[in-house]
Protein backbone atom coordinates (compact mmCIF):
# COMPACT_ATOMS: atom_id res chain seq x y z
CA MET A 1 58.59 10.35 -43.54
CA ILE A 2 55.24 9.25 -42.65
CA SER A 3 54.97 5.37 -42.88
CA LYS A 4 52.61 3.83 -45.22
CA SER A 5 50.83 1.88 -42.46
CA THR A 6 50.48 5.34 -40.67
CA ILE A 7 48.49 6.76 -43.44
CA PHE A 8 45.93 3.68 -43.70
CA CYS A 9 45.53 4.25 -39.39
CA PHE A 10 44.50 7.77 -40.41
CA LEU A 11 42.66 7.30 -43.42
CA PHE A 12 40.57 3.65 -41.65
CA LEU A 13 39.95 6.39 -38.45
CA ILE A 14 38.27 9.38 -40.90
CA ASN A 15 36.07 6.70 -42.62
CA SER A 16 34.99 5.05 -39.14
CA ILE A 17 34.45 8.70 -38.03
CA PHE A 18 32.72 9.09 -41.46
CA ILE A 19 31.03 6.21 -41.47
CA ASN A 20 29.77 7.26 -38.01
CA ALA A 21 28.70 9.92 -38.58
CA GLN A 22 26.69 8.78 -41.04
CA LYS A 23 24.98 6.27 -39.60
CA GLU A 24 24.02 8.37 -36.71
CA ILE A 25 22.08 11.76 -38.72
CA GLU A 26 20.06 8.07 -40.21
CA CYS A 27 19.27 7.05 -36.49
CA ASN A 28 18.44 10.75 -36.13
CA MET A 29 16.24 10.06 -39.06
CA LYS A 30 14.26 7.53 -38.26
CA LEU A 31 13.69 8.10 -34.70
CA SER A 32 12.51 11.47 -35.61
CA ILE A 33 10.00 9.05 -38.14
CA SER A 34 9.09 6.50 -35.69
CA HIS A 35 8.71 9.14 -32.75
CA GLU A 36 5.81 11.12 -34.39
CA LEU A 37 4.39 7.41 -35.37
CA VAL A 38 4.17 6.77 -31.95
CA LYS A 39 3.02 9.84 -30.97
CA SER A 40 -0.46 8.88 -33.67
CA GLU A 41 -0.49 5.74 -32.11
CA LYS A 42 0.82 4.12 -34.94
CA TYR A 43 2.39 1.67 -33.65
CA ASP A 44 2.76 -1.28 -36.18
CA THR A 45 4.61 1.37 -38.70
CA ALA A 46 5.97 2.78 -36.17
CA TYR A 47 8.39 -0.40 -35.51
CA GLU A 48 10.35 -1.44 -38.20
CA SER A 49 12.14 2.17 -38.52
CA TRP A 50 12.04 2.22 -34.12
CA SER A 51 13.92 -1.29 -34.70
CA ILE A 52 17.11 -0.33 -36.61
CA VAL A 53 17.96 3.09 -34.14
CA ASN A 54 17.21 0.55 -31.22
CA THR A 55 20.29 -2.06 -32.85
CA ASP A 56 22.46 0.27 -34.35
CA CYS A 57 22.49 3.24 -31.78
CA PRO A 58 21.18 2.27 -28.36
CA GLU A 59 23.07 5.44 -26.99
CA LEU A 60 20.92 7.96 -29.51
CA ASN A 61 18.20 9.12 -27.29
CA PHE A 62 16.42 7.90 -24.67
CA ALA A 63 13.28 8.07 -26.37
CA ILE A 64 14.51 4.85 -27.91
CA TYR A 65 13.70 3.85 -24.62
CA VAL A 66 10.06 5.20 -23.93
CA ASP A 67 9.00 4.65 -27.43
CA GLY A 68 10.15 0.94 -27.60
CA GLU A 69 8.35 0.32 -24.91
CA LYS A 70 5.11 1.48 -25.95
CA ILE A 71 5.15 -0.51 -29.75
CA LEU A 72 6.66 -3.89 -28.00
CA LYS A 73 3.42 -3.79 -25.36
CA TYR A 74 1.04 -3.41 -28.42
CA LYS A 75 2.70 -6.00 -29.84
CA ILE A 76 3.38 -8.03 -28.00
CA ASP A 77 -0.94 -7.56 -27.32
CA ASN A 78 -1.62 -8.03 -30.39
CA SER A 79 0.85 -11.50 -31.84
CA VAL A 80 0.41 -14.77 -30.79
CA GLY A 81 2.45 -17.10 -29.98
CA THR A 82 6.45 -17.72 -31.06
CA GLU A 83 5.99 -14.28 -32.45
CA ARG A 84 4.43 -12.67 -29.04
CA VAL A 85 7.78 -14.79 -27.50
CA GLY A 86 9.91 -12.83 -29.62
CA TYR A 87 8.43 -9.58 -28.51
CA ILE A 88 8.48 -10.20 -24.99
CA GLU A 89 12.16 -11.69 -25.50
CA GLU A 90 12.98 -8.15 -26.80
CA LEU A 91 10.93 -5.75 -24.17
CA LEU A 92 13.09 -7.70 -22.10
CA ASP A 93 16.28 -6.90 -23.46
CA LEU A 94 15.15 -2.85 -23.77
CA TRP A 95 14.70 -2.42 -20.59
CA GLN A 96 18.12 -4.18 -19.65
CA ASN A 97 19.83 -1.37 -22.43
CA ARG A 98 17.99 0.92 -20.79
CA SER A 99 19.63 0.16 -17.57
CA LYS A 100 23.24 -0.08 -19.26
CA TYR A 101 23.11 3.05 -21.24
CA TYR A 102 20.87 5.37 -18.47
CA GLU A 103 21.37 3.74 -15.23
CA SER A 104 20.33 6.62 -13.44
CA LYS A 105 17.07 7.19 -15.45
CA THR A 106 16.28 3.30 -14.71
CA PRO A 107 15.67 1.39 -10.78
CA LYS A 108 16.86 -1.38 -10.47
CA GLY A 109 13.54 -2.26 -8.33
CA GLU A 110 10.93 -0.56 -10.48
CA TYR A 111 12.71 -1.86 -13.68
CA GLN A 112 13.63 -5.47 -12.86
CA ALA A 113 10.18 -5.59 -10.78
CA LYS A 114 8.69 -4.63 -14.32
CA ALA A 115 10.38 -7.68 -16.04
CA CYS A 116 9.54 -10.06 -13.84
CA GLN A 117 6.14 -9.15 -13.83
CA LEU A 118 6.05 -9.05 -17.84
CA MET A 119 7.72 -12.80 -17.52
CA TYR A 120 5.11 -13.39 -15.09
CA ASP A 121 2.20 -12.74 -16.92
CA TYR A 122 3.33 -14.39 -19.79
CA ARG A 123 4.81 -17.77 -17.79
CA ASP A 124 2.79 -19.95 -20.00
CA ASP A 125 4.19 -18.54 -23.47
CA LEU A 126 7.49 -18.22 -21.83
CA ASP A 127 8.16 -21.61 -19.97
CA LYS A 128 8.62 -20.01 -16.51
CA SER A 129 7.60 -22.16 -13.39
CA LYS A 130 6.81 -20.49 -9.72
CA GLN A 131 10.31 -21.30 -8.35
CA GLU A 132 12.04 -19.40 -11.28
CA LEU A 133 9.62 -16.76 -11.32
CA PHE A 134 9.56 -16.16 -7.06
CA ALA A 135 13.10 -15.87 -7.59
CA CYS A 136 12.91 -13.14 -10.07
CA PHE A 137 10.31 -10.88 -7.64
CA ASP A 138 12.23 -12.05 -4.53
CA THR A 139 16.07 -10.78 -5.89
CA THR A 140 14.27 -7.86 -6.88
CA PHE A 141 13.10 -6.88 -4.48
CA GLU A 142 16.21 -7.63 -1.46
CA THR A 143 18.44 -5.48 -4.10
CA ASP A 144 16.02 -2.26 -4.80
CA LYS A 145 12.99 -3.20 -1.71
CA GLU A 146 12.71 1.13 -2.74
CA THR A 147 11.82 1.56 -5.80
CA PHE A 148 10.41 -1.80 -6.02
CA THR A 149 6.66 0.14 -5.36
CA HIS A 150 3.99 -1.51 -8.12
CA PRO A 151 1.12 -2.72 -6.09
CA LYS A 152 -0.11 -5.51 -9.04
CA SER A 153 3.96 -6.31 -8.59
CA LEU A 154 3.92 -6.88 -4.92
CA TYR A 155 0.37 -9.28 -4.64
CA THR A 156 1.72 -11.73 -7.69
CA TYR A 157 5.26 -11.70 -5.41
CA PHE A 158 3.31 -12.59 -2.69
CA SER A 159 0.88 -14.60 -4.30
CA LEU A 160 3.78 -16.91 -5.50
CA VAL A 161 5.42 -17.75 -2.08
CA VAL A 162 1.86 -18.90 -1.00
CA ASP A 163 1.84 -21.16 -4.14
CA LEU A 164 5.07 -22.69 -3.26
CA TYR A 165 3.80 -22.93 0.41
CA GLU A 166 0.91 -24.93 -0.64
CA LYS A 167 3.54 -27.24 -3.11
CA GLY A 168 5.42 -27.93 0.56
CA GLU A 169 8.25 -25.81 -1.75
CA LYS A 170 8.75 -22.61 1.25
CA THR A 171 8.48 -23.58 4.51
CA ALA A 172 6.05 -21.58 6.90
CA ALA A 173 8.26 -19.57 8.21
CA GLU A 174 9.40 -18.05 4.73
CA LEU A 175 5.84 -17.43 3.53
CA PHE A 176 5.80 -14.99 7.10
CA ASN A 177 8.78 -13.88 6.42
CA THR A 178 8.03 -12.74 2.81
CA TYR A 179 4.49 -11.78 3.74
CA ASP A 180 6.09 -9.47 6.63
CA ASN A 181 8.53 -7.79 3.86
CA ILE A 182 5.39 -7.10 1.38
CA ASN A 183 3.00 -6.07 3.78
CA GLU A 184 6.29 -3.53 5.09
CA LYS A 185 6.73 -2.20 2.24
CA ILE A 186 2.83 -0.82 1.18
CA GLN A 187 2.83 0.08 5.00
CA LEU A 188 5.57 2.69 3.89
CA GLU A 189 3.70 3.14 0.74
CA ILE A 190 0.29 4.06 2.08
CA GLN A 191 2.05 6.20 4.56
CA ASN A 192 4.11 8.23 1.79
CA TYR A 193 0.78 8.91 -0.56
CA SER A 194 -1.17 9.98 2.72
CA GLU A 195 1.44 12.54 3.48
CA LYS A 196 1.46 13.34 0.57
CA LEU A 197 -1.70 13.81 0.32
CA ASN A 198 -2.77 15.45 3.88
CA VAL A 199 -0.57 18.42 2.83
CA LEU A 200 -3.07 19.05 0.31
CA LEU A 201 -5.93 18.51 2.29
CA GLN A 202 -4.91 20.34 4.93
CA LYS A 203 -4.56 23.41 1.76
CA GLN A 204 -7.62 22.94 0.97
CA GLU A 205 -9.11 23.37 4.80
CA ASN A 206 -7.16 26.51 5.00
CA GLY A 207 -9.89 27.85 2.25
CA GLU A 208 -6.85 27.80 -0.69
CA ALA A 209 -7.39 26.23 -3.79
CA LEU A 210 -5.10 23.43 -5.13
CA ASN A 211 -4.21 24.72 -9.08
CA LYS A 212 -4.07 21.96 -11.38
CA THR A 213 -0.59 20.63 -11.28
CA GLU A 214 -1.68 19.87 -7.40
CA LYS A 215 -5.47 18.52 -8.17
CA ALA A 216 -3.63 16.14 -10.38
CA ASN A 217 -1.23 14.91 -8.02
CA LYS A 218 -4.39 14.63 -5.23
CA ARG A 219 -6.22 12.44 -7.83
CA ALA A 220 -2.74 10.32 -8.05
CA TYR A 221 -2.18 10.45 -4.27
CA GLU A 222 -5.99 8.97 -3.90
CA SER A 223 -5.69 6.67 -6.66
CA TYR A 224 -2.10 4.92 -4.77
CA LEU A 225 -3.92 4.06 -1.37
CA LYS A 226 -6.80 3.46 -3.00
CA ASN A 227 -4.66 -0.17 -4.76
CA TYR A 228 -2.10 0.13 -1.81
CA THR A 229 -5.27 -0.62 0.81
CA ILE A 230 -7.16 -3.06 -2.19
CA ILE A 231 -3.53 -5.16 -2.37
CA GLU A 232 -3.46 -5.33 2.09
CA GLU A 233 -6.38 -6.54 2.08
CA SER A 234 -6.06 -8.90 -0.11
CA ILE A 235 -2.88 -10.87 1.18
CA ASP A 236 -4.12 -10.18 4.30
CA ALA A 237 -6.78 -12.43 3.59
CA ILE A 238 -5.25 -14.57 1.59
CA SER A 239 -2.19 -15.05 4.81
CA SER A 240 -5.19 -15.35 7.54
CA SER A 241 -5.77 -19.02 7.10
CA LYS A 242 -2.17 -19.49 7.01
CA ALA A 243 -1.17 -17.50 10.33
CA ASN A 244 -3.35 -19.26 12.57
CA CYS A 245 -2.65 -19.59 16.44
CA ASP A 246 -1.97 -23.54 15.53
CA ASN A 247 1.16 -22.57 12.93
CA LEU A 248 2.33 -19.65 14.29
CA ILE A 249 2.45 -20.95 18.09
CA PRO A 250 4.73 -23.47 17.13
CA LEU A 251 7.08 -22.11 14.83
CA TYR A 252 7.34 -19.05 17.06
CA THR A 253 8.26 -21.57 20.22
CA LYS A 254 11.03 -23.19 17.50
CA ASP A 255 12.85 -19.92 16.80
CA PHE A 256 12.25 -18.20 19.86
CA ASN A 257 16.19 -19.26 20.60
CA THR A 258 17.58 -18.59 17.62
CA ASN A 259 15.95 -15.09 17.32
CA LYS A 260 15.18 -13.57 21.37
CA ASP A 261 17.73 -10.81 20.55
CA ASP A 262 16.72 -9.80 17.07
CA SER A 263 14.45 -6.74 17.77
CA VAL A 264 12.44 -7.06 13.59
CA TRP A 265 11.55 -11.07 14.53
CA LEU A 266 10.33 -10.22 17.93
CA LYS A 267 8.26 -7.16 16.36
CA ARG A 268 6.99 -9.52 14.01
CA ALA A 269 6.22 -11.93 15.93
CA VAL A 270 4.47 -10.17 17.92
CA SER A 271 2.08 -8.64 16.33
CA ARG A 272 1.24 -11.24 14.00
CA MET A 273 -0.02 -12.97 17.43
CA TYR A 274 -2.01 -10.07 18.46
CA HIS A 275 -3.37 -9.31 14.82
CA LYS A 276 -4.45 -13.23 14.99
CA GLU A 277 -5.79 -12.57 18.45
CA CYS A 278 -2.95 -15.30 19.82
CA THR A 279 -2.61 -13.58 22.89
CA ASP A 280 -4.15 -16.03 25.36
CA HIS A 281 -0.83 -18.61 24.95
CA GLU A 282 2.00 -17.91 27.30
CA LEU A 283 4.04 -17.44 24.27
CA TYR A 284 2.78 -14.20 23.52
CA GLU A 285 3.98 -12.70 26.76
CA LYS A 286 7.05 -14.46 26.43
CA LEU A 287 7.55 -12.85 22.99
CA VAL A 288 6.57 -9.31 24.29
CA LYS A 289 8.33 -8.80 27.70
CA GLN A 290 11.61 -9.24 25.69
CA TYR A 291 10.51 -7.56 23.18
CA ASP A 292 10.38 -4.60 25.32
CA GLN A 293 13.59 -5.62 26.54
CA VAL A 294 15.75 -5.72 23.84
CA SER A 295 13.95 -2.72 21.69
CA PRO A 296 11.54 -0.69 24.00
CA SER A 297 9.89 2.03 21.91
CA ALA A 298 6.08 3.26 21.60
CA ASP A 299 5.09 -0.23 19.84
CA THR A 300 6.29 -2.38 23.16
CA LYS A 301 4.35 -0.21 25.55
CA ILE A 302 0.96 -0.71 23.79
CA TYR A 303 1.87 -4.63 23.51
CA VAL A 304 3.17 -4.55 27.20
CA ALA A 305 -0.27 -2.54 28.23
CA THR A 306 -1.60 -5.82 25.90
CA VAL A 307 -1.05 -8.62 28.88
CA LEU A 308 -1.84 -5.97 31.47
CA LEU A 309 -5.24 -6.40 30.53
CA LYS A 310 -5.55 -9.84 29.69
CA LYS A 311 -4.75 -10.28 33.44
CA GLY A 312 -7.22 -7.65 34.14
CA LYS A 313 -4.57 -5.01 35.12
CA ASN A 314 -6.45 -2.46 33.64
CA GLU A 315 -5.50 1.16 35.47
CA GLU A 316 -1.47 -0.12 35.15
CA ALA A 317 -2.10 -0.79 31.31
CA TYR A 318 -3.68 2.89 30.51
CA LYS A 319 -0.76 4.16 32.08
CA TYR A 320 1.40 2.05 29.37
CA LEU A 321 -1.14 2.96 26.72
CA GLU A 322 -0.42 6.17 26.76
CA GLU A 323 3.31 5.92 27.54
CA GLY A 324 3.23 4.39 24.44
CA TYR A 325 1.63 6.71 22.85
CA ARG A 326 3.91 9.91 24.44
CA LEU A 327 6.95 8.11 22.50
CA GLU A 328 5.53 7.83 19.24
CA THR A 329 7.12 10.89 17.31
CA ASP A 330 6.20 10.07 13.81
CA THR A 331 2.89 11.74 12.95
CA TYR A 332 1.70 9.30 10.77
CA LYS A 333 3.06 6.08 12.84
CA LYS A 334 1.06 7.91 16.13
CA SER A 335 -2.24 8.53 14.33
CA ASN A 336 -1.77 4.82 13.53
CA LEU A 337 -1.39 3.89 16.97
CA ALA A 338 -4.08 6.22 18.57
CA ILE A 339 -6.19 4.46 16.45
CA ARG A 340 -4.86 0.87 18.07
CA ILE A 341 -5.35 2.74 21.72
CA GLY A 342 -8.44 3.91 20.44
CA VAL A 343 -9.69 0.34 19.78
CA ILE A 344 -8.30 -1.07 22.55
CA PHE A 345 -10.60 1.83 24.99
CA LYS A 346 -13.67 1.23 23.18
CA SER A 347 -12.90 -2.85 23.36
CA LYS A 348 -12.89 -2.03 27.68
CA GLY A 349 -15.85 0.42 27.58
CA GLN A 350 -14.47 3.47 27.38
CA TYR A 351 -15.86 5.21 25.10
CA THR A 352 -14.62 8.32 26.09
CA LYS A 353 -11.34 8.00 26.03
CA ALA A 354 -12.22 6.15 23.37
CA ARG A 355 -13.24 8.88 20.91
CA ASN A 356 -10.52 11.38 22.01
CA PHE A 357 -7.49 9.37 20.67
CA LEU A 358 -9.91 7.81 17.60
CA GLN A 359 -10.30 12.33 17.10
CA ASP A 360 -6.71 12.73 17.37
CA ALA A 361 -6.14 9.49 14.53
CA VAL A 362 -7.88 12.53 12.50
CA LYS A 363 -5.89 15.05 12.58
CA LEU A 364 -2.99 13.97 12.38
CA ASN A 365 -3.81 12.10 9.36
CA PRO A 366 -6.84 13.75 8.10
CA SER A 367 -7.02 11.25 4.32
CA ASN A 368 -7.54 8.66 7.51
CA GLY A 369 -11.69 8.38 7.60
CA ARG A 370 -11.73 4.81 9.64
CA PRO A 371 -11.37 6.67 12.88
CA HIS A 372 -14.65 8.00 12.17
CA LEU A 373 -16.53 4.75 11.40
CA ILE A 374 -15.28 3.36 14.64
CA ILE A 375 -16.74 6.51 16.70
CA ALA A 376 -19.83 5.93 14.64
CA ASP A 377 -20.50 2.67 15.43
CA MET A 378 -19.94 3.66 19.26
CA TYR A 379 -22.53 5.63 19.01
CA SER A 380 -24.36 3.09 17.19
CA ASP A 381 -23.57 0.86 20.87
CA SER A 382 -24.98 3.96 23.25
CA ALA A 383 -28.14 4.26 21.31
CA LYS A 384 -29.61 2.54 24.15
CA ASN A 385 -28.20 4.08 27.15
CA CYS A 386 -28.16 7.74 25.57
CA GLY A 387 -31.69 9.11 25.01
CA LYS A 388 -34.86 9.42 27.63
CA ASP A 389 -36.34 7.43 25.61
CA ASN A 390 -37.48 5.36 22.53
CA PHE A 391 -37.46 8.25 20.55
CA TYR A 392 -34.32 9.63 22.00
CA GLN A 393 -32.54 6.27 21.81
CA ARG A 394 -33.16 5.67 18.18
CA ALA A 395 -32.08 9.76 16.72
CA VAL A 396 -28.48 8.72 17.65
CA PHE A 397 -28.34 6.60 15.40
CA TRP A 398 -29.22 9.79 12.81
CA LEU A 399 -25.42 11.35 14.96
CA ALA A 400 -23.44 7.62 14.21
CA ALA A 401 -24.90 8.98 10.29
CA LYS A 402 -23.37 11.89 10.45
CA GLU A 403 -20.12 10.36 11.85
CA ALA A 404 -19.71 7.78 9.73
CA GLU A 405 -20.53 9.70 6.24
CA LYS A 406 -17.57 11.67 7.47
CA ALA A 407 -14.84 9.09 6.70
CA ALA A 408 -15.92 8.82 2.75
CA ARG A 409 -14.99 12.58 2.15
CA LEU A 410 -11.88 11.90 4.04
CA ASP A 411 -11.31 9.04 2.51
CA PRO A 412 -13.00 7.73 -0.56
CA THR A 413 -11.68 4.63 -0.97
CA LEU A 414 -14.24 3.73 2.30
CA GLN A 415 -17.63 5.11 0.33
CA LYS A 416 -19.30 1.40 -0.36
CA THR A 417 -18.15 0.65 3.29
CA VAL A 418 -19.56 3.86 4.64
CA SER A 419 -22.89 3.60 2.22
CA LYS A 420 -23.49 -0.37 4.25
CA TYR A 421 -22.87 1.25 7.67
CA VAL A 422 -25.52 5.02 6.73
CA ALA A 423 -28.15 2.39 5.31
CA SER A 424 -28.03 0.41 8.20
CA TYR A 425 -27.99 3.57 10.85
CA GLU A 426 -30.73 4.84 8.90
CA ALA A 427 -32.71 2.19 9.01
CA LYS A 428 -33.31 2.46 13.17
CA VAL A 429 -34.28 6.32 12.99
CA PRO A 430 -37.40 7.37 13.77
CA THR A 431 -40.30 7.51 11.23
CA LYS A 432 -41.84 10.65 9.10
CA GLU A 433 -44.98 9.61 10.40
CA GLU A 434 -43.19 9.32 14.28
CA ILE A 435 -41.53 13.19 13.52
CA PHE A 436 -44.71 14.61 12.59
CA LEU A 437 -46.14 13.28 15.53
CA ARG A 438 -43.98 14.51 17.86
CA GLU A 439 -43.76 17.95 15.94
CA MET A 440 -40.04 17.38 16.59
CA SER A 441 -38.58 18.36 12.45
CA GLY A 442 -36.49 20.45 12.98
CA LYS A 443 -35.33 20.60 16.02
CA THR A 444 -32.05 20.05 17.68
CA ILE A 445 -31.91 16.72 19.87
CA GLU A 446 -29.14 16.89 22.82
CA ILE A 447 -27.60 13.26 23.23
CA GLY A 448 -26.77 13.18 26.75
CA CYS A 449 -24.69 10.32 27.94
CA TRP A 450 -20.82 9.88 27.04
CA ILE A 451 -21.98 11.06 23.71
CA ASN A 452 -22.90 14.49 24.70
CA ARG A 453 -23.89 16.13 21.07
CA SER A 454 -26.59 17.65 19.45
CA ILE A 455 -28.25 16.61 15.95
CA VAL A 456 -31.01 18.69 14.37
CA VAL A 457 -33.99 16.31 12.99
CA PRO A 458 -34.28 16.16 10.21
């Protein structure tokens, strides 16, 4: 015989199932209503029904989190004081629940960084200190740097460590380490989107039309590259005043013995000393030799070459440059290396070799237009030496302008820079009157010396 307690438990279970089923039906109805309102951007009206679903049925549908983010961002933008704080906290909770119920669709680095950024943007409302905010970004970066990719958040992360350094709450070593971490991340993202963009550029180069999706992707890749470039330049500008030789030399001298077998530390120290032009100090040579000994690579060979160049051992240095170039196998990195080597040869007046490397850089990374600007600059510098008379010498500036314009076609983010270059060059070309008097319009001029190019007179 079935006991009363068994019957009671059975009835309780049936009742619970019925209640839950009824709740799910109601949640689905309310979610359907709120979803349609969100599609119509009626966020205020959508909030009430969405909020009930979010509270009662958080696992029901992924749309709860997609729609909820839109609704709450609208509410935050259109509220003040304690009401705004409530919506901010609700959005932070929403992202936490999204991670709990839809973990595979919620990358930790991306969403924790969004939470940190939201708290930073409303730090006054939330009464958050810069130490707390930095800790938020820092923990997120260490937890999942792969998906911590948003340019704005990377910049905020760096700006916070700078502020704390200036208040004496972070050391120079902590400042530079954070800079290196962020800069390396930015370089990875630039490489990522450059490689994706290069595939589409190559398709266009082959005469193939891009489909609708590819066109949209191309715009997106170019936008990301533009934003990462802006952030890269911004953090470089901020760090420049901090990372000078007076600060770097004592820091790296003090830390050398502790880190002399750490290839990452050596790479960062050598790179910063090089880029901040601290290469005359004996510490630079010491760091370079140690880096090459601990982790010989294409990178180390280039730095060894810079030491040899300082000592006037040019021919030996050139061999190291070419060896380093041969050793690099990654296409994107090889392109950047070609630019570095090209700039070194340019500084030594080896313009033909410089141009060869810079042209290789463009072939390896077609979305980077900077090599064309460097080549244009070399043409401009050589104008007086590569023309048989004043007219021909000034004609070189047409060639320089034409070369510079190629940069903007490859990389739209360089348009402003290119415009300045072109305006400077065109101000120096022969006048219309000179062209008329010499009857040169439409004629092809051969430019001699190392340039060895021709240009049609307009």
